[in-house]
Amino acid sequence: MNIQFSCNGCGRCCTDHHVPLTMQEAIDWCRDGGQIIVLVEAVTADSPELPPQQREHALRRSLAVPCGLMMVHVSITFAAFNAGRCRNLDQNNRCRMYARRPLVCQIYPMEINPHIPLRPHAKDCSPETWQEGPVLLQDGRLIDVELAGLIERSRQADRDEIGVKEAICQHLGIRTAAVKGEGFAAYLPQPSHMLKVMTEIWTSDAARTFAAQEWELHVPPPGPGVALSASGAKVSTILREGCVYLPLAR
């Protein structure tokens, strides 16, 4: 099946979507006056609820950390916080930072996760945007070499920067993760403090001096908390201050 796409500039993809950022993009976003939302999820090495390929992808972009009597793997996403319209959209839905927009914005509407196929009906774009324009996928295969390179850059940054993100979370007092497939533990650090901590750790060797902190898993009832506790994980049904649970839609 072939999929083509032509953006009509409606601005829907720039509204109410938290955009995952690389470390440098997150720093730049804060310097420009934006806010970062920190999204954390965790997976165990043998998570039976995940298909093998998805579990392998989750482990590649995560860091092994202690959690009670066991180890879990935390994935940490720093994303541009967009409640409503992106702060960079002008009145004509044009991006005011288009030339230096984040990688994920450049990649859209393609997916970053290699195990999530591009589904036009799942996007906010108008139906007509999928009826004309250059071909994105030909027989299910991405044919744009440059776009494929951007996707790989984003995935590689995700893998390379997880240790730095964990060290930043230590400084911010973030140590609760949600269970992958159930939801996210979400945090909104104060922007100026977030910028200070990110800059100090990203521009130094500070992250290398930190051993991974102990994490806990937030599992609201009737989630898999009993089974995880029985396996030795540190589980809490009560959220720490500053943390919000974002369940996945079912």
Protein backbone atom coordinates (compact mmCIF):
# COMPACT_ATOMS: atom_id res chain seq x y z
CA MET A 1 0.00 0.00 0.00
CA ASN A 2 1.24 3.48 -0.88
CA ILE A 3 0.71 6.48 1.40
CA GLN A 4 1.14 10.05 0.20
CA PHE A 5 0.97 13.25 2.19
CA SER A 6 0.74 17.00 1.61
CA CYS A 7 0.50 19.34 4.60
CA ASN A 8 -2.28 21.94 4.34
CA GLY A 9 -1.06 24.02 7.29
CA CYS A 10 -4.11 23.43 9.50
CA GLY A 11 -2.03 23.49 12.69
CA ARG A 12 -3.76 20.51 14.26
CA CYS A 13 -0.54 18.55 14.71
CA CYS A 14 0.82 21.57 16.62
CA THR A 15 -2.09 21.69 19.07
CA ASP A 16 -2.36 19.69 22.30
CA HIS A 17 0.63 17.50 21.41
CA HIS A 18 3.68 17.23 23.66
CA VAL A 19 6.64 17.03 21.25
CA PRO A 20 9.54 14.73 22.27
CA LEU A 21 12.85 16.62 22.23
CA THR A 22 16.53 15.78 22.16
CA MET A 23 18.58 17.17 25.02
CA GLN A 24 19.83 20.17 23.03
CA GLU A 25 16.31 20.84 21.74
CA ALA A 26 14.97 20.73 25.31
CA ILE A 27 17.57 23.27 26.42
CA ASP A 28 16.81 25.51 23.46
CA TRP A 29 13.07 25.20 24.12
CA CYS A 30 13.52 26.40 27.70
CA ARG A 31 15.83 29.20 26.63
CA ASP A 32 13.10 30.39 24.26
CA GLY A 33 10.64 30.57 27.15
CA GLY A 34 8.92 27.21 26.72
CA GLN A 35 8.16 24.57 29.33
CA ILE A 36 9.26 20.94 29.43
CA ILE A 37 7.10 18.02 30.52
CA VAL A 38 8.96 14.95 31.75
CA LEU A 39 7.27 11.64 30.92
CA VAL A 40 8.53 8.46 32.58
CA GLU A 41 7.61 4.83 32.05
CA ALA A 42 9.32 1.60 33.09
CA VAL A 43 9.54 -1.93 31.76
CA THR A 44 10.92 -5.12 33.27
CA ALA A 45 13.36 -7.19 31.25
CA ASP A 46 10.82 -9.98 30.83
CA SER A 47 7.62 -7.93 30.58
CA PRO A 48 5.17 -10.55 29.29
CA GLU A 49 2.63 -7.94 28.18
CA LEU A 50 4.92 -6.58 25.44
CA PRO A 51 5.63 -8.34 22.13
CA PRO A 52 9.35 -9.25 21.89
CA GLN A 53 10.24 -6.59 19.30
CA GLN A 54 8.50 -3.83 21.25
CA ARG A 55 10.21 -4.93 24.45
CA GLU A 56 13.59 -4.88 22.68
CA HIS A 57 12.94 -1.33 21.44
CA ALA A 58 11.89 -0.23 24.94
CA LEU A 59 15.04 -1.71 26.48
CA ARG A 60 17.31 -0.03 23.92
CA ARG A 61 16.03 3.43 24.87
CA SER A 62 15.97 2.84 28.62
CA LEU A 63 18.31 2.64 31.60
CA ALA A 64 18.45 -0.19 34.12
CA VAL A 65 17.77 1.15 37.63
CA PRO A 66 17.15 -0.43 41.05
CA CYS A 67 13.53 -0.72 42.13
CA GLY A 68 13.18 -2.48 45.46
CA LEU A 69 14.69 -5.95 45.15
CA MET A 70 14.74 -5.97 41.36
CA MET A 71 15.93 -3.93 38.39
CA VAL A 72 13.58 -2.17 36.00
CA HIS A 73 14.33 -0.19 32.86
CA VAL A 74 13.15 3.41 32.83
CA SER A 75 12.51 5.40 29.66
CA ILE A 76 12.51 9.18 30.11
CA THR A 77 11.11 11.62 27.58
CA PHE A 78 11.66 15.37 27.72
CA ALA A 79 8.90 16.92 25.64
CA ALA A 80 7.75 20.42 24.72
CA PHE A 81 4.67 21.08 26.85
CA ASN A 82 1.89 22.12 24.50
CA ALA A 83 -1.44 22.49 26.27
CA GLY A 84 -3.38 24.05 23.45
CA ARG A 85 -1.63 25.66 20.50
CA CYS A 86 2.14 25.47 20.29
CA ARG A 87 3.66 28.74 21.47
CA ASN A 88 5.51 29.02 18.15
CA LEU A 89 2.43 29.06 15.92
CA ASP A 90 1.50 32.48 14.53
CA GLN A 91 -2.06 33.60 13.75
CA ASN A 92 -1.83 31.97 10.31
CA ASN A 93 -0.70 28.62 11.74
CA ARG A 94 2.83 29.20 10.49
CA CYS A 95 5.74 28.01 12.64
CA ARG A 96 7.88 30.89 13.84
CA MET A 97 10.85 28.56 14.37
CA TYR A 98 10.40 26.44 11.24
CA ALA A 99 14.08 26.52 10.22
CA ARG A 100 15.14 25.11 13.61
CA ARG A 101 12.05 23.14 14.57
CA PRO A 102 12.60 19.92 16.56
CA LEU A 103 13.46 16.66 14.82
CA VAL A 104 10.08 15.15 15.63
CA CYS A 105 8.35 18.07 13.90
CA GLN A 106 10.55 17.57 10.84
CA ILE A 107 9.70 13.86 10.80
CA TYR A 108 5.92 14.26 11.10
CA PRO A 109 3.69 12.50 10.07
CA MET A 110 6.06 9.53 10.25
CA GLU A 111 6.40 7.66 13.53
CA ILE A 112 9.56 7.53 15.65
CA ASN A 113 8.75 4.15 17.20
CA PRO A 114 9.67 1.49 14.58
CA HIS A 115 6.86 -0.75 15.82
CA ILE A 116 4.08 1.78 15.29
CA PRO A 117 2.96 1.85 11.65
CA LEU A 118 1.86 5.08 10.01
CA ARG A 119 -1.94 5.16 10.20
CA PRO A 120 -3.49 8.19 8.49
CA HIS A 121 -6.80 7.71 10.33
CA ALA A 122 -4.96 8.03 13.67
CA LYS A 123 -3.54 11.46 12.79
CA ASP A 124 -5.24 14.83 13.26
CA CYS A 125 -4.63 15.86 9.64
CA SER A 126 -7.58 16.49 7.34
CA PRO A 127 -8.50 13.58 5.01
CA GLU A 128 -7.49 15.53 1.91
CA THR A 129 -3.87 15.76 3.08
CA TRP A 130 -3.55 12.02 2.39
CA GLN A 131 -4.96 12.27 -1.13
CA GLU A 132 -2.18 14.20 -2.85
CA GLY A 133 1.47 15.17 -2.49
CA PRO A 134 4.67 13.11 -2.58
CA VAL A 135 4.62 9.43 -1.69
CA LEU A 136 5.78 8.76 1.88
CA LEU A 137 5.48 4.98 1.90
CA GLN A 138 5.66 2.74 -1.13
CA ASP A 139 4.45 -0.80 -0.49
CA GLY A 140 4.83 0.00 3.20
CA ARG A 141 8.48 1.10 2.84
CA LEU A 142 9.79 4.62 3.51
CA ILE A 143 11.42 5.87 0.32
CA ASP A 144 12.72 9.28 1.44
CA VAL A 145 16.37 8.68 2.39
CA GLU A 146 16.74 12.07 4.09
CA LEU A 147 13.63 11.51 6.20
CA ALA A 148 14.87 8.03 7.15
CA GLY A 149 18.09 9.66 8.34
CA LEU A 150 16.19 12.13 10.54
CA ILE A 151 14.22 9.29 12.11
CA GLU A 152 17.41 7.39 12.91
CA ARG A 153 18.98 10.53 14.41
CA SER A 154 15.99 10.91 16.72
CA ARG A 155 16.10 7.25 17.79
CA GLN A 156 19.84 7.37 18.37
CA ALA A 157 19.58 10.50 20.51
CA ASP A 158 16.91 8.74 22.56
CA ARG A 159 19.33 5.88 23.23
CA ASP A 160 22.45 8.01 23.78
CA GLU A 161 20.89 10.55 26.16
CA ILE A 162 19.03 8.32 28.61
CA GLY A 163 21.86 8.42 31.21
CA VAL A 164 21.92 12.22 31.16
CA LYS A 165 18.15 12.37 31.55
CA GLU A 166 18.28 10.02 34.54
CA ALA A 167 20.92 12.22 36.19
CA ILE A 168 18.74 15.28 35.58
CA CYS A 169 15.79 13.47 37.14
CA GLN A 170 17.92 12.81 40.22
CA HIS A 171 18.58 16.53 40.57
CA LEU A 172 14.88 17.28 40.13
CA GLY A 173 13.75 14.68 42.67
CA ILE A 174 11.97 12.62 40.02
CA ARG A 175 12.02 8.92 40.86
CA THR A 176 8.55 7.53 40.17
CA ALA A 177 7.74 5.81 36.87
CA ALA A 178 4.55 4.35 35.47
CA VAL A 179 4.42 0.84 34.01
CA LYS A 180 4.88 0.80 30.25
CA GLY A 181 1.64 0.02 28.49
CA GLU A 182 -0.40 1.41 31.39
CA GLY A 183 0.47 5.12 31.32
CA PHE A 184 3.09 7.75 32.12
CA ALA A 185 4.27 9.46 35.26
CA ALA A 186 4.33 13.14 34.22
CA TYR A 187 6.18 16.07 35.77
CA LEU A 188 6.25 19.80 35.01
CA PRO A 189 9.45 21.18 36.55
CA GLN A 190 9.74 24.93 37.06
CA PRO A 191 11.18 26.13 33.71
CA SER A 192 14.13 28.19 34.96
CA HIS A 193 15.21 25.43 37.36
CA MET A 194 14.80 22.81 34.63
CA LEU A 195 16.98 24.88 32.30
CA LYS A 196 19.66 25.34 34.96
CA VAL A 197 19.86 21.63 35.78
CA MET A 198 19.79 20.52 32.15
CA THR A 199 22.50 22.97 31.14
CA GLU A 200 24.80 22.09 34.04
CA ILE A 201 24.59 18.34 33.44
CA TRP A 202 24.48 18.36 29.63
CA THR A 203 27.55 20.59 29.28
CA SER A 204 29.70 18.74 31.82
CA ASP A 205 30.68 15.24 32.82
CA ALA A 206 28.37 15.42 35.83
CA ALA A 207 26.09 12.65 34.58
CA ARG A 208 28.97 10.18 34.61
CA THR A 209 29.47 10.64 38.35
CA PHE A 210 25.94 9.58 39.27
CA ALA A 211 24.93 6.02 39.97
CA ALA A 212 21.33 5.35 39.00
CA GLN A 213 18.97 6.20 41.86
CA GLU A 214 16.34 3.86 43.23
CA TRP A 215 13.01 4.24 41.48
CA GLU A 216 9.51 3.18 42.36
CA LEU A 217 6.60 2.19 40.18
CA HIS A 218 3.24 3.91 40.41
CA VAL A 219 0.48 1.41 39.78
CA PRO A 220 -3.08 2.63 40.38
CA PRO A 221 -5.53 -0.12 41.32
CA PRO A 222 -6.53 -2.47 39.85
CA GLY A 223 -3.25 -2.51 37.88
CA PRO A 224 -0.44 -5.09 38.00
CA GLY A 225 0.86 -3.82 41.34
CA VAL A 226 0.37 -7.08 43.28
CA ALA A 227 2.34 -9.12 40.75
CA LEU A 228 5.13 -6.55 40.63
CA SER A 229 5.32 -6.37 44.42
CA ALA A 230 5.54 -10.15 44.56
CA SER A 231 8.50 -9.95 42.17
CA GLY A 232 10.27 -7.57 44.54
CA ALA A 233 9.54 -4.24 42.86
CA LYS A 234 8.96 -1.12 44.93
CA VAL A 235 5.36 -0.20 44.14
CA SER A 236 3.25 2.76 45.24
CA THR A 237 -0.41 3.53 44.62
CA ILE A 238 0.02 7.10 45.92
CA LEU A 239 1.61 9.75 43.74
CA ARG A 240 4.45 11.88 45.04
CA GLU A 241 4.07 15.65 45.04
CA GLY A 242 4.61 17.12 41.59
CA CYS A 243 3.76 13.90 39.76
CA VAL A 244 0.63 13.32 37.68
CA TYR A 245 -0.44 9.96 36.27
CA LEU A 246 -1.44 9.96 32.60
CA PRO A 247 -3.17 6.64 31.80
CA LEU A 248 -3.11 5.37 28.24
CA ALA A 249 -6.39 5.41 26.38
CA ARG A 250 -7.89 1.96 26.00
